[in-house]
C-alpha atoms as a PDB file:
ATOM      1  CA  MET A   1      -0.004  -0.005  -0.002  1.00  0.00           C
ATOM      2  CA  GLY A   2       2.832   2.356   0.909  1.00  0.00           C
ATOM      3  CA  ASN A   3       4.568   1.755  -2.408  1.00  0.00           C
ATOM      4  CA  ALA A   4       1.340   2.440  -4.263  1.00  0.00           C
ATOM      5  CA  LEU A   5       0.849   5.725  -2.439  1.00  0.00           C
ATOM      6  CA  ARG A   6       4.445   6.763  -3.117  1.00  0.00           C
ATOM      7  CA  LEU A   7       3.971   5.948  -6.795  1.00  0.00           C
ATOM      8  CA  LEU A   8       0.743   7.972  -6.842  1.00  0.00           C
ATOM      9  CA  TYR A   9       2.507  10.883  -5.159  1.00  0.00           C
ATOM     10  CA  GLY A  10       5.302  10.708  -7.661  1.00  0.00           C
ATOM     11  CA  HIS A  11       2.881  10.903 -10.556  1.00  0.00           C
ATOM     12  CA  CYS A  12       0.415  13.524  -9.427  1.00  0.00           C
ATOM     13  CA  CYS A  13       1.665  15.359  -6.327  1.00  0.00           C
ATOM     14  CA  LYS A  14       5.305  16.008  -7.067  1.00  0.00           C
ATOM     15  CA  PRO A  15       5.816  19.551  -8.403  1.00  0.00           C
ATOM     16  CA  THR A  16       7.641  19.880 -11.684  1.00  0.00           C
ATOM     17  CA  THR A  17      10.469  22.354 -12.288  1.00  0.00           C
ATOM     18  CA  THR A  18      11.621  21.008 -15.637  1.00  0.00           C
ATOM     19  CA  GLY A  19       8.629  21.859 -17.787  1.00  0.00           C
ATOM     20  CA  ASP A  20       8.658  18.251 -18.975  1.00  0.00           C
ATOM     21  CA  SER A  21       5.213  17.404 -20.420  1.00  0.00           C
ATOM     22  CA  ASP A  22       5.250  14.045 -18.633  1.00  0.00           C
ATOM     23  CA  HIS A  23       4.909  15.770 -15.250  1.00  0.00           C
ATOM     24  CA  TRP A  24       2.407  18.289 -13.985  1.00  0.00           C
ATOM     25  CA  ASP A  25       1.898  20.807 -11.245  1.00  0.00           C
ATOM     26  CA  PRO A  26      -0.531  19.546  -8.553  1.00  0.00           C
ATOM     27  CA  THR A  27      -1.981  23.056  -8.289  1.00  0.00           C
ATOM     28  CA  ALA A  28      -3.318  22.492 -11.803  1.00  0.00           C
ATOM     29  CA  CYS A  29      -6.368  20.975 -10.115  1.00  0.00           C
ATOM     30  CA  LEU A  30      -7.165  24.475  -8.886  1.00  0.00           C
ATOM     31  CA  ARG A  31      -7.069  25.841 -12.421  1.00  0.00           C
ATOM     32  CA  PRO A  32      -9.881  24.176 -14.377  1.00  0.00           C
ATOM     33  CA  PRO A  33      -8.515  24.616 -17.952  1.00  0.00           C
ATOM     34  CA  SER A  34      -5.307  22.813 -16.995  1.00  0.00           C
ATOM     35  CA  VAL A  35      -6.913  19.755 -15.467  1.00  0.00           C
ATOM     36  CA  PHE A  36      -9.099  19.289 -18.547  1.00  0.00           C
ATOM     37  CA  GLN A  37      -6.028  19.402 -20.786  1.00  0.00           C
ATOM     38  CA  LEU A  38      -4.109  16.979 -18.599  1.00  0.00           C
ATOM     39  CA  LEU A  39      -6.826  14.481 -17.713  1.00  0.00           C
ATOM     40  CA  PRO A  40      -6.303  12.185 -20.729  1.00  0.00           C
ATOM     41  CA  LYS A  41      -2.592  11.864 -19.922  1.00  0.00           C
ATOM     42  CA  ILE A  42      -3.321  11.319 -16.217  1.00  0.00           C
ATOM     43  CA  CYS A  43      -5.859   8.604 -17.032  1.00  0.00           C
ATOM     44  CA  LEU A  44      -3.326   6.823 -19.207  1.00  0.00           C
ATOM     45  CA  THR A  45      -0.591   7.080 -16.572  1.00  0.00           C
ATOM     46  CA  LEU A  46      -2.450   6.282 -13.385  1.00  0.00           C
ATOM     47  CA  ILE A  47      -5.425   4.136 -14.377  1.00  0.00           C
ATOM     48  CA  SER A  48      -4.330   0.806 -15.716  1.00  0.00           C
ATOM     49  CA  PRO A  49      -7.486  -1.356 -16.010  1.00  0.00           C
ATOM     50  CA  PRO A  50      -8.556  -1.653 -19.669  1.00  0.00           C
ATOM     51  CA  ARG A  51     -12.070  -0.472 -18.845  1.00  0.00           C
ATOM     52  CA  TYR A  52     -10.682   3.014 -18.271  1.00  0.00           C
ATOM     53  CA  ARG A  53      -8.803   3.107 -21.565  1.00  0.00           C
ATOM     54  CA  LYS A  54     -12.069   3.938 -23.286  1.00  0.00           C
ATOM     55  CA  LEU A  55     -12.283   7.078 -21.154  1.00  0.00           C
ATOM     56  CA  LEU A  56      -9.124   8.309 -22.825  1.00  0.00           C
ATOM     57  CA  ASP A  57     -10.599   7.525 -26.257  1.00  0.00           C
ATOM     58  CA  ALA A  58     -13.894   9.214 -25.384  1.00  0.00           C
ATOM     59  CA  TRP A  59     -11.997  12.314 -24.234  1.00  0.00           C
ATOM     60  CA  LYS A  60     -10.055  12.496 -27.491  1.00  0.00           C
ATOM     61  CA  GLU A  61     -13.173  12.006 -29.594  1.00  0.00           C
ATOM     62  CA  ALA A  62     -15.385  14.496 -27.710  1.00  0.00           C
ATOM     63  CA  LYS A  63     -16.440  17.354 -30.007  1.00  0.00           C
ATOM     64  CA  PRO A  64     -16.244  19.885 -28.554  1.00  0.00           C
ATOM     65  CA  PRO A  65     -14.012  18.689 -25.695  1.00  0.00           C
ATOM     66  CA  PRO A  66     -15.228  19.369 -22.132  1.00  0.00           C
ATOM     67  CA  ARG A  67     -14.700  22.967 -21.068  1.00  0.00           C
ATOM     68  CA  THR A  68     -16.178  22.983 -17.576  1.00  0.00           C
ATOM     69  CA  PRO A  69     -16.022  20.653 -14.553  1.00  0.00           C
ATOM     70  CA  GLU A  70     -19.657  19.727 -15.161  1.00  0.00           C
ATOM     71  CA  GLU A  71     -19.004  18.753 -18.801  1.00  0.00           C
ATOM     72  CA  ALA A  72     -15.949  16.721 -17.769  1.00  0.00           C
ATOM     73  CA  ALA A  73     -17.952  14.891 -15.094  1.00  0.00           C
ATOM     74  CA  ARG A  74     -20.726  14.083 -17.560  1.00  0.00           C
ATOM     75  CA  LEU A  75     -18.242  12.595 -20.012  1.00  0.00           C
ATOM     76  CA  VAL A  76     -16.720  10.380 -17.303  1.00  0.00           C
ATOM     77  CA  ILE A  77     -20.151   9.249 -16.057  1.00  0.00           C
ATOM     78  CA  GLN A  78     -21.472   8.532 -19.553  1.00  0.00           C
ATOM     79  CA  THR A  79     -18.339   6.632 -20.616  1.00  0.00           C
ATOM     80  CA  LEU A  80     -18.139   4.485 -17.487  1.00  0.00           C
ATOM     81  CA  LYS A  81     -21.890   4.140 -16.836  1.00  0.00           C
ATOM     82  CA  ARG A  82     -21.759   0.347 -16.786  1.00  0.00           C
ATOM     83  CA  HIS A  83     -19.129   0.184 -14.065  1.00  0.00           C
ATOM     84  CA  GLN A  84     -19.519   0.339 -10.305  1.00  0.00           C
ATOM     85  CA  THR A  85     -20.811   3.649  -8.964  1.00  0.00           C
ATOM     86  CA  ALA A  86     -18.026   3.719  -6.360  1.00  0.00           C
ATOM     87  CA  ASP A  87     -15.358   3.454  -9.084  1.00  0.00           C
ATOM     88  CA  VAL A  88     -16.840   6.321 -11.066  1.00  0.00           C
ATOM     89  CA  GLU A  89     -17.338   8.542  -8.027  1.00  0.00           C
ATOM     90  CA  GLY A  90     -13.839   7.795  -6.835  1.00  0.00           C
ATOM     91  CA  LEU A  91     -12.382   8.860 -10.173  1.00  0.00           C
ATOM     92  CA  LEU A  92     -14.433  12.077 -10.180  1.00  0.00           C
ATOM     93  CA  ALA A  93     -13.420  12.871  -6.610  1.00  0.00           C
ATOM     94  CA  PHE A  94      -9.734  12.220  -7.410  1.00  0.00           C
ATOM     95  CA  TYR A  95      -9.810  14.905 -10.114  1.00  0.00           C
ATOM     96  CA  GLY A  96     -11.992  17.284  -8.134  1.00  0.00           C
ATOM     97  CA  LEU A  97     -14.916  16.953 -10.573  1.00  0.00           C
ATOM     98  CA  PRO A  98     -18.602  17.157  -9.563  1.00  0.00           C
ATOM     99  CA  LEU A  99     -20.187  13.929  -8.316  1.00  0.00           C
ATOM    100  CA  PRO A 100     -23.250  12.526 -10.159  1.00  0.00           C
ATOM    101  CA  HIS A 101     -25.818  13.602  -7.547  1.00  0.00           C
ATOM    102  CA  THR A 102     -24.613  17.231  -7.685  1.00  0.00           C
ATOM    103  CA  LEU A 103     -25.079  17.650 -11.435  1.00  0.00           C
ATOM    104  CA  VAL A 104     -28.110  19.471 -12.781  1.00  0.00           C
ATOM    105  CA  PRO A 105     -29.714  17.271 -15.461  1.00  0.00           C
ATOM    106  CA  LEU A 106     -29.562  18.366 -19.081  1.00  0.00           C
ATOM    107  CA  SER A 107     -33.020  19.444 -20.167  1.00  0.00           C
ATOM    108  CA  THR A 108     -34.800  19.163 -23.473  1.00  0.00           C
ATOM    109  CA  GLY A 109     -36.411  22.473 -22.544  1.00  0.00           C
ATOM    110  CA  ALA A 110     -39.505  23.492 -20.645  1.00  0.00           C
ATOM    111  CA  ASN A 111     -41.729  23.671 -23.739  1.00  0.00           C
ATOM    112  CA  ILE A 112     -42.623  19.975 -23.836  1.00  0.00           C
ATOM    113  CA  ILE A 113     -46.209  19.348 -24.782  1.00  0.00           C
ATOM    114  CA  THR A 114     -48.383  16.343 -25.491  1.00  0.00           C
ATOM    115  CA  ARG A 115     -51.139  16.127 -28.052  1.00  0.00           C
ATOM    116  CA  GLY A 116     -53.984  18.371 -26.995  1.00  0.00           C
ATOM    117  CA  GLY A 117     -52.660  18.334 -23.456  1.00  0.00           C
ATOM    118  CA  GLN A 118     -53.619  14.668 -23.262  1.00  0.00           C
ATOM    119  CA  VAL A 119     -51.828  11.348 -23.632  1.00  0.00           C
ATOM    120  CA  ASP A 120     -53.740   8.463 -25.147  1.00  0.00           C
ATOM    121  CA  ALA A 121     -52.853   4.785 -24.828  1.00  0.00           C
ATOM    122  CA  LYS A 122     -51.037   4.803 -28.167  1.00  0.00           C
ATOM    123  CA  ALA A 123     -48.539   7.316 -26.808  1.00  0.00           C
ATOM    124  CA  VAL A 124     -47.660   4.952 -23.928  1.00  0.00           C
ATOM    125  CA  PRO A 125     -46.898   1.471 -25.301  1.00  0.00           C
ATOM    126  CA  ASP A 126     -45.669   0.166 -21.960  1.00  0.00           C
ATOM    127  CA  GLY A 127     -44.626   1.253 -18.485  1.00  0.00           C
ATOM    128  CA  ASP A 128     -41.278   2.769 -19.432  1.00  0.00           C
ATOM    129  CA  THR A 129     -41.789   4.489 -22.795  1.00  0.00           C
ATOM    130  CA  ILE A 130     -43.829   7.507 -23.898  1.00  0.00           C
ATOM    131  CA  SER A 131     -44.110   9.767 -26.948  1.00  0.00           C
ATOM    132  CA  VAL A 132     -44.172  13.530 -26.541  1.00  0.00           C
ATOM    133  CA  TYR A 133     -44.317  16.456 -28.952  1.00  0.00           C
ATOM    134  CA  VAL A 134     -42.062  19.508 -28.645  1.00  0.00           C
ATOM    135  CA  SER A 135     -43.151  22.741 -30.267  1.00  0.00           C
ATOM    136  CA  THR A 136     -40.931  23.879 -33.130  1.00  0.00           C
ATOM    137  CA  ALA A 137     -41.379  27.423 -31.817  1.00  0.00           C
ATOM    138  CA  ASP A 138     -38.738  26.462 -29.275  1.00  0.00           C
ATOM    139  CA  PRO A 139     -35.449  28.049 -30.466  1.00  0.00           C
ATOM    140  CA  ARG A 140     -33.663  24.706 -30.004  1.00  0.00           C
ATOM    141  CA  GLU A 141     -36.119  23.062 -32.404  1.00  0.00           C
ATOM    142  CA  SER A 142     -36.859  25.800 -34.947  1.00  0.00           C
ATOM    143  CA  SER A 143     -33.455  25.647 -36.630  1.00  0.00           C
ATOM    144  CA  CYS A 144     -33.688  21.864 -37.089  1.00  0.00           C
ATOM    145  CA  VAL A 145     -37.023  21.600 -38.908  1.00  0.00           C
ATOM    146  CA  PRO A 146     -36.498  20.218 -42.457  1.00  0.00           C
ATOM    147  CA  ARG A 147     -37.537  22.665 -45.151  1.00  0.00           C
ATOM    148  CA  ASP A 148     -39.953  20.193 -46.763  1.00  0.00           C
ATOM    149  CA  VAL A 149     -41.739  19.814 -43.395  1.00  0.00           C
ATOM    150  CA  GLN A 150     -42.007  23.588 -43.020  1.00  0.00           C
ATOM    151  CA  MET A 151     -43.426  23.898 -46.545  1.00  0.00           C
ATOM    152  CA  ALA A 152     -45.887  21.042 -45.962  1.00  0.00           C
ATOM    153  CA  ALA A 153     -47.157  22.740 -42.795  1.00  0.00           C
ATOM    154  CA  VAL A 154     -47.723  26.015 -44.645  1.00  0.00           C
ATOM    155  CA  GLN A 155     -49.434  24.260 -47.555  1.00  0.00           C
ATOM    156  CA  ARG A 156     -51.610  22.236 -45.169  1.00  0.00           C
ATOM    157  CA  SER A 157     -52.774  25.400 -43.446  1.00  0.00           C
ATOM    158  CA  LYS A 158     -53.693  26.919 -46.821  1.00  0.00           C
ATOM    159  CA  ALA A 159     -55.499  23.735 -47.911  1.00  0.00           C
ATOM    160  CA  ARG A 160     -57.573  23.761 -44.744  1.00  0.00           C
ATOM    161  CA  ALA A 161     -58.420  27.417 -45.291  1.00  0.00           C
ATOM    162  CA  ASP A 162     -59.601  26.451 -48.789  1.00  0.00           C
ATOM    163  CA  ARG A 163     -61.532  23.520 -47.293  1.00  0.00           C
ATOM    164  CA  ASN A 164     -59.482  21.093 -49.354  1.00  0.00           C
ATOM    165  CA  TYR A 165     -59.371  18.566 -46.519  1.00  0.00           C
ATOM    166  CA  GLU A 166     -58.203  15.687 -48.673  1.00  0.00           C
ATOM    167  CA  ARG A 167     -55.043  17.575 -49.620  1.00  0.00           C
ATOM    168  CA  ALA A 168     -54.615  18.797 -46.037  1.00  0.00           C
ATOM    169  CA  ASP A 169     -54.770  15.202 -44.742  1.00  0.00           C
ATOM    170  CA  ALA A 170     -52.208  14.057 -47.342  1.00  0.00           C
ATOM    171  CA  LEU A 171     -49.841  16.857 -46.331  1.00  0.00           C
ATOM    172  CA  HIS A 172     -50.300  16.011 -42.652  1.00  0.00           C
ATOM    173  CA  LYS A 173     -49.394  12.397 -43.386  1.00  0.00           C
ATOM    174  CA  LYS A 174     -46.191  13.615 -45.025  1.00  0.00           C
ATOM    175  CA  ILE A 175     -45.448  15.677 -41.907  1.00  0.00           C
ATOM    176  CA  ILE A 176     -46.128  12.698 -39.618  1.00  0.00           C
ATOM    177  CA  ASP A 177     -43.916  10.396 -41.700  1.00  0.00           C
ATOM    178  CA  SER A 178     -41.074  12.902 -41.147  1.00  0.00           C
ATOM    179  CA  GLY A 179     -41.391  12.670 -37.355  1.00  0.00           C
ATOM    180  CA  TYR A 180     -43.542  15.765 -36.827  1.00  0.00           C
ATOM    181  CA  ARG A 181     -47.215  16.490 -36.260  1.00  0.00           C
ATOM    182  CA  VAL A 182     -49.565  19.457 -36.288  1.00  0.00           C
ATOM    183  CA  ILE A 183     -51.330  19.525 -32.927  1.00  0.00           C
ATOM    184  CA  LYS A 184     -53.936  21.831 -31.427  1.00  0.00           C
ATOM    185  CA  VAL A 185     -53.111  23.549 -28.159  1.00  0.00           C
ATOM    186  CA  GLN A 186     -55.576  26.048 -26.737  1.00  0.00           C
ATOM    187  CA  ASN A 187     -57.342  26.486 -30.075  1.00  0.00           C
ATOM    188  CA  GLU A 188     -54.034  27.127 -31.859  1.00  0.00           C
ATOM    189  CA  GLU A 189     -52.378  24.734 -34.307  1.00  0.00           C
ATOM    190  CA  ILE A 190     -48.684  24.113 -33.609  1.00  0.00           C
ATOM    191  CA  LEU A 191     -46.069  22.210 -35.578  1.00  0.00           C
ATOM    192  CA  ALA A 192     -44.309  19.893 -33.135  1.00  0.00           C
ATOM    193  CA  ARG A 193     -41.569  17.317 -33.312  1.00  0.00           C
ATOM    194  CA  LYS A 194     -42.168  13.839 -31.981  1.00  0.00           C
ATOM    195  CA  TYR A 195     -39.794  12.371 -29.398  1.00  0.00           C
ATOM    196  CA  ARG A 196     -39.887   8.829 -28.069  1.00  0.00           C
ATOM    197  CA  ILE A 197     -38.796   8.906 -24.432  1.00  0.00           C
ATOM    198  CA  ARG A 198     -37.383   5.917 -22.578  1.00  0.00           C
ATOM    199  CA  LEU A 199     -37.688   6.407 -18.819  1.00  0.00           C
ATOM    200  CA  ARG A 200     -34.161   6.373 -17.485  1.00  0.00           C
ATOM    201  CA  GLY A 201     -33.165   3.769 -14.912  1.00  0.00           C
ATOM    202  CA  ILE A 202     -36.222   1.523 -14.916  1.00  0.00           C
ATOM    203  CA  ASP A 203     -37.450  -1.444 -16.948  1.00  0.00           C
ATOM    204  CA  ALA A 204     -41.170  -2.190 -16.821  1.00  0.00           C
ATOM    205  CA  PRO A 205     -42.830  -5.490 -17.752  1.00  0.00           C
ATOM    206  CA  GLU A 206     -43.573  -5.848 -21.478  1.00  0.00           C
ATOM    207  CA  SER A 207     -47.240  -5.465 -22.388  1.00  0.00           C
ATOM    208  CA  SER A 208     -47.773  -9.244 -22.718  1.00  0.00           C
ATOM    209  CA  MET A 209     -45.999 -10.021 -19.421  1.00  0.00           C
ATOM    210  CA  PRO A 210     -47.717 -10.207 -16.022  1.00  0.00           C
ATOM    211  CA  TYR A 211     -48.325  -6.662 -14.747  1.00  0.00           C
ATOM    212  CA  GLY A 212     -47.429  -5.261 -18.188  1.00  0.00           C
ATOM    213  CA  LYS A 213     -50.928  -3.850 -18.708  1.00  0.00           C
ATOM    214  CA  GLU A 214     -51.034  -2.470 -15.154  1.00  0.00           C
ATOM    215  CA  ALA A 215     -47.686  -0.718 -15.683  1.00  0.00           C
ATOM    216  CA  GLN A 216     -48.843   0.843 -18.951  1.00  0.00           C
ATOM    217  CA  GLU A 217     -52.118   2.026 -17.396  1.00  0.00           C
ATOM    218  CA  GLU A 218     -50.319   3.499 -14.383  1.00  0.00           C
ATOM    219  CA  LEU A 219     -47.974   5.511 -16.590  1.00  0.00           C
ATOM    220  CA  VAL A 220     -50.917   6.807 -18.684  1.00  0.00           C
ATOM    221  CA  LYS A 221     -52.734   7.819 -15.503  1.00  0.00           C
ATOM    222  CA  LEU A 222     -49.617   9.471 -14.155  1.00  0.00           C
ATOM    223  CA  ILE A 223     -48.902  11.723 -17.161  1.00  0.00           C
ATOM    224  CA  GLN A 224     -52.364  12.217 -18.651  1.00  0.00           C
ATOM    225  CA  GLY A 225     -53.193  15.904 -18.934  1.00  0.00           C
ATOM    226  CA  LYS A 226     -50.066  16.878 -16.987  1.00  0.00           C
ATOM    227  CA  CYS A 227     -47.377  19.410 -17.750  1.00  0.00           C
ATOM    228  CA  LEU A 228     -44.305  17.308 -18.446  1.00  0.00           C
ATOM    229  CA  ARG A 229     -40.699  18.280 -17.847  1.00  0.00           C
ATOM    230  CA  ILE A 230     -38.196  15.822 -19.277  1.00  0.00           C
ATOM    231  CA  PHE A 231     -34.443  15.783 -18.675  1.00  0.00           C
ATOM    232  CA  VAL A 232     -32.656  13.909 -21.457  1.00  0.00           C
ATOM    233  CA  TYR A 233     -29.249  12.326 -20.835  1.00  0.00           C
ATOM    234  CA  GLU A 234     -28.571  10.229 -23.932  1.00  0.00           C
ATOM    235  CA  GLU A 235     -30.060   8.406 -26.899  1.00  0.00           C
ATOM    236  CA  ASP A 236     -30.382   4.631 -26.936  1.00  0.00           C
ATOM    237  CA  ARG A 237     -29.729   2.283 -29.864  1.00  0.00           C
ATOM    238  CA  TYR A 238     -33.388   2.479 -30.900  1.00  0.00           C
ATOM    239  CA  GLY A 239     -33.267   6.248 -31.319  1.00  0.00           C
ATOM    240  CA  ARG A 240     -35.193   6.947 -28.119  1.00  0.00           C
ATOM    241  CA  SER A 241     -34.247   9.804 -25.813  1.00  0.00           C
ATOM    242  CA  VAL A 242     -33.365   8.378 -22.384  1.00  0.00           C
ATOM    243  CA  GLY A 243     -34.389  10.708 -19.605  1.00  0.00           C
ATOM    244  CA  ASP A 244     -36.082  11.490 -16.312  1.00  0.00           C
ATOM    245  CA  VAL A 245     -39.778  12.396 -16.566  1.00  0.00           C
ATOM    246  CA  TYR A 246     -41.524  14.741 -14.140  1.00  0.00           C
ATOM    247  CA  CYS A 247     -45.297  15.316 -14.154  1.00  0.00           C
ATOM    248  CA  ASN A 248     -46.216  18.499 -12.282  1.00  0.00           C
ATOM    249  CA  GLY A 249     -43.115  17.915 -10.151  1.00  0.00           C
ATOM    250  CA  ILE A 250     -43.796  14.201  -9.551  1.00  0.00           C
ATOM    251  CA  PHE A 251     -40.916  11.922 -10.557  1.00  0.00           C
ATOM    252  CA  ALA A 252     -42.439   9.237 -12.799  1.00  0.00           C
ATOM    253  CA  GLN A 253     -39.754   6.620 -12.195  1.00  0.00           C
ATOM    254  CA  GLU A 254     -40.209   6.935  -8.428  1.00  0.00           C
ATOM    255  CA  VAL A 255     -43.932   6.226  -8.719  1.00  0.00           C
ATOM    256  CA  MET A 256     -43.426   3.216 -11.012  1.00  0.00           C
ATOM    257  CA  LEU A 257     -40.830   1.670  -8.706  1.00  0.00           C
ATOM    258  CA  LYS A 258     -42.715   2.323  -5.473  1.00  0.00           C
ATOM    259  CA  LYS A 259     -45.888   0.754  -6.896  1.00  0.00           C
ATOM    260  CA  GLY A 260     -43.976  -2.367  -7.906  1.00  0.00           C
ATOM    261  CA  LEU A 261     -44.563  -1.838 -11.624  1.00  0.00           C
ATOM    262  CA  ALA A 262     -40.928  -1.674 -12.744  1.00  0.00           C
ATOM    263  CA  TRP A 263     -37.438  -2.962 -11.966  1.00  0.00           C
ATOM    264  CA  HIS A 264     -34.488  -0.763 -11.218  1.00  0.00           C
ATOM    265  CA  TYR A 265     -32.444  -1.206 -14.433  1.00  0.00           C
ATOM    266  CA  THR A 266     -29.070  -1.616 -12.722  1.00  0.00           C
ATOM    267  CA  ALA A 267     -27.246  -2.532 -15.932  1.00  0.00           C
ATOM    268  CA  TYR A 268     -27.594   1.085 -17.072  1.00  0.00           C
ATOM    269  CA  ASP A 269     -28.269   3.122 -13.929  1.00  0.00           C
ATOM    270  CA  GLN A 270     -26.785   2.756 -10.454  1.00  0.00           C
ATOM    271  CA  ARG A 271     -28.659   5.550  -8.642  1.00  0.00           C
ATOM    272  CA  PHE A 272     -29.048   4.674  -4.973  1.00  0.00           C
ATOM    273  CA  GLU A 273     -32.533   6.175  -4.648  1.00  0.00           C
ATOM    274  CA  LEU A 274     -33.921   3.949  -7.432  1.00  0.00           C
ATOM    275  CA  ALA A 275     -32.507   0.856  -5.710  1.00  0.00           C
ATOM    276  CA  THR A 276     -34.096   2.018  -2.440  1.00  0.00           C
ATOM    277  CA  TRP A 277     -37.554   2.474  -3.993  1.00  0.00           C
ATOM    278  CA  GLU A 278     -37.448  -0.979  -5.533  1.00  0.00           C
ATOM    279  CA  LYS A 279     -36.322  -2.471  -2.236  1.00  0.00           C
ATOM    280  CA  GLU A 280     -39.258  -0.818  -0.462  1.00  0.00           C
ATOM    281  CA  ALA A 281     -41.741  -2.243  -2.994  1.00  0.00           C
ATOM    282  CA  ARG A 282     -40.208  -5.725  -2.666  1.00  0.00           C
ATOM    283  CA  ALA A 283     -40.544  -5.566   1.138  1.00  0.00           C
ATOM    284  CA  LYS A 284     -44.214  -4.577   0.837  1.00  0.00           C
ATOM    285  CA  ARG A 285     -44.811  -7.198  -1.895  1.00  0.00           C
ATOM    286  CA  VAL A 286     -46.750  -4.704  -3.987  1.00  0.00           C
ATOM    287  CA  GLY A 287     -47.341  -4.999  -7.731  1.00  0.00           C
ATOM    288  CA  LEU A 288     -45.202  -7.566  -9.496  1.00  0.00           C
ATOM    289  CA  TRP A 289     -43.419  -8.318  -6.207  1.00  0.00           C
ATOM    290  CA  ALA A 290     -46.532 -10.185  -5.076  1.00  0.00           C
ATOM    291  CA  SER A 291     -44.863 -13.040  -6.965  1.00  0.00           C
ATOM    292  CA  SER A 292     -41.875 -14.617  -5.274  1.00  0.00           C
ATOM    293  CA  ASN A 293     -39.858 -14.749  -8.495  1.00  0.00           C
ATOM    294  CA  PRO A 294     -41.228 -12.422 -11.222  1.00  0.00           C
ATOM    295  CA  GLU A 295     -39.647 -12.793 -14.643  1.00  0.00           C
ATOM    296  CA  LYS A 296     -37.283  -9.946 -15.518  1.00  0.00           C
ATOM    297  CA  PRO A 297     -38.225  -8.099 -18.735  1.00  0.00           C
ATOM    298  CA  TRP A 298     -34.665  -8.126 -20.117  1.00  0.00           C
ATOM    299  CA  GLU A 299     -34.546 -11.926 -19.685  1.00  0.00           C
ATOM    300  CA  TRP A 300     -38.016 -12.231 -21.244  1.00  0.00           C
ATOM    301  CA  ARG A 301     -36.858 -10.223 -24.292  1.00  0.00           C
ATOM    302  CA  LYS A 302     -33.700 -12.327 -24.601  1.00  0.00           C
ATOM    303  CA  ASP A 303     -35.736 -15.538 -24.556  1.00  0.00           C
ATOM    304  CA  ARG A 304     -37.995 -14.203 -27.332  1.00  0.00           C
ATOM    305  CA  ARG A 305     -35.002 -13.173 -29.463  1.00  0.00           C
ATOM    306  CA  GLU A 306     -33.499 -16.651 -29.096  1.00  0.00           C
ATOM    307  CA  GLY A 307     -36.841 -18.308 -29.873  1.00  0.00           C
ATOM    308  CA  ARG A 308     -37.307 -19.882 -26.458  1.00  0.00           C
END
């Protein structure tokens, strides 16, 4: 242990007077720009397990590279999300970067709306996925709308004014096929972009599994007619935005876990509070925990893929 500490001191605590790029001033940690420049080299020097090599690659490939402690912490968390929480937090603490629970989530923006202020069953296929529509009036959306979608929306409005509803419906279909929709909010028609949201950190039973229907109905009841605020962290391999969903300040994942209608998805999320809520539901034997050994949805999906 003593040798390890001396080696660590030699690498990161010993002041340099030579200007050699292989050594660094420990006070660099107090100067944010320096620690961001040096972190890749430090990771390569001090962290030997192969699982951390990808952190170095992620740092090199980041465009733009992290400029703030918060951005650096997010990159570390995202890159090492499948590893033990203690390992990630230890690495962040070593470099003086913010810990996961101190970070403010990245938001898609406050202007998140659902069709007509309502969510029907089709917008909630199961207990961990929903579809929402974000107004293209939002500055973060307006610059991304394809020109053909903009033109179709204008032409649809004109067709409706001319009472040419057949043409209007055909134009709306074109808009929908492009991932957008014209929705009515408070007697005003708005062009909105569709987002599929995967609730971060939980995995609910599939619709044909026990408690699958109950999970879907609970999520519909939870978000129906509510003002939603969604914090998006990443995109999954199916193109869904993975995020935390709040309905009038109520955390959707917390409700689903406490009612025993979802598992804590530990393979992708190690948040302590999610584990605690699942543990509470198990102890009370509520929802799917009424069964002594409920089938896990990820195992159910694997069995179906392998034809079992």
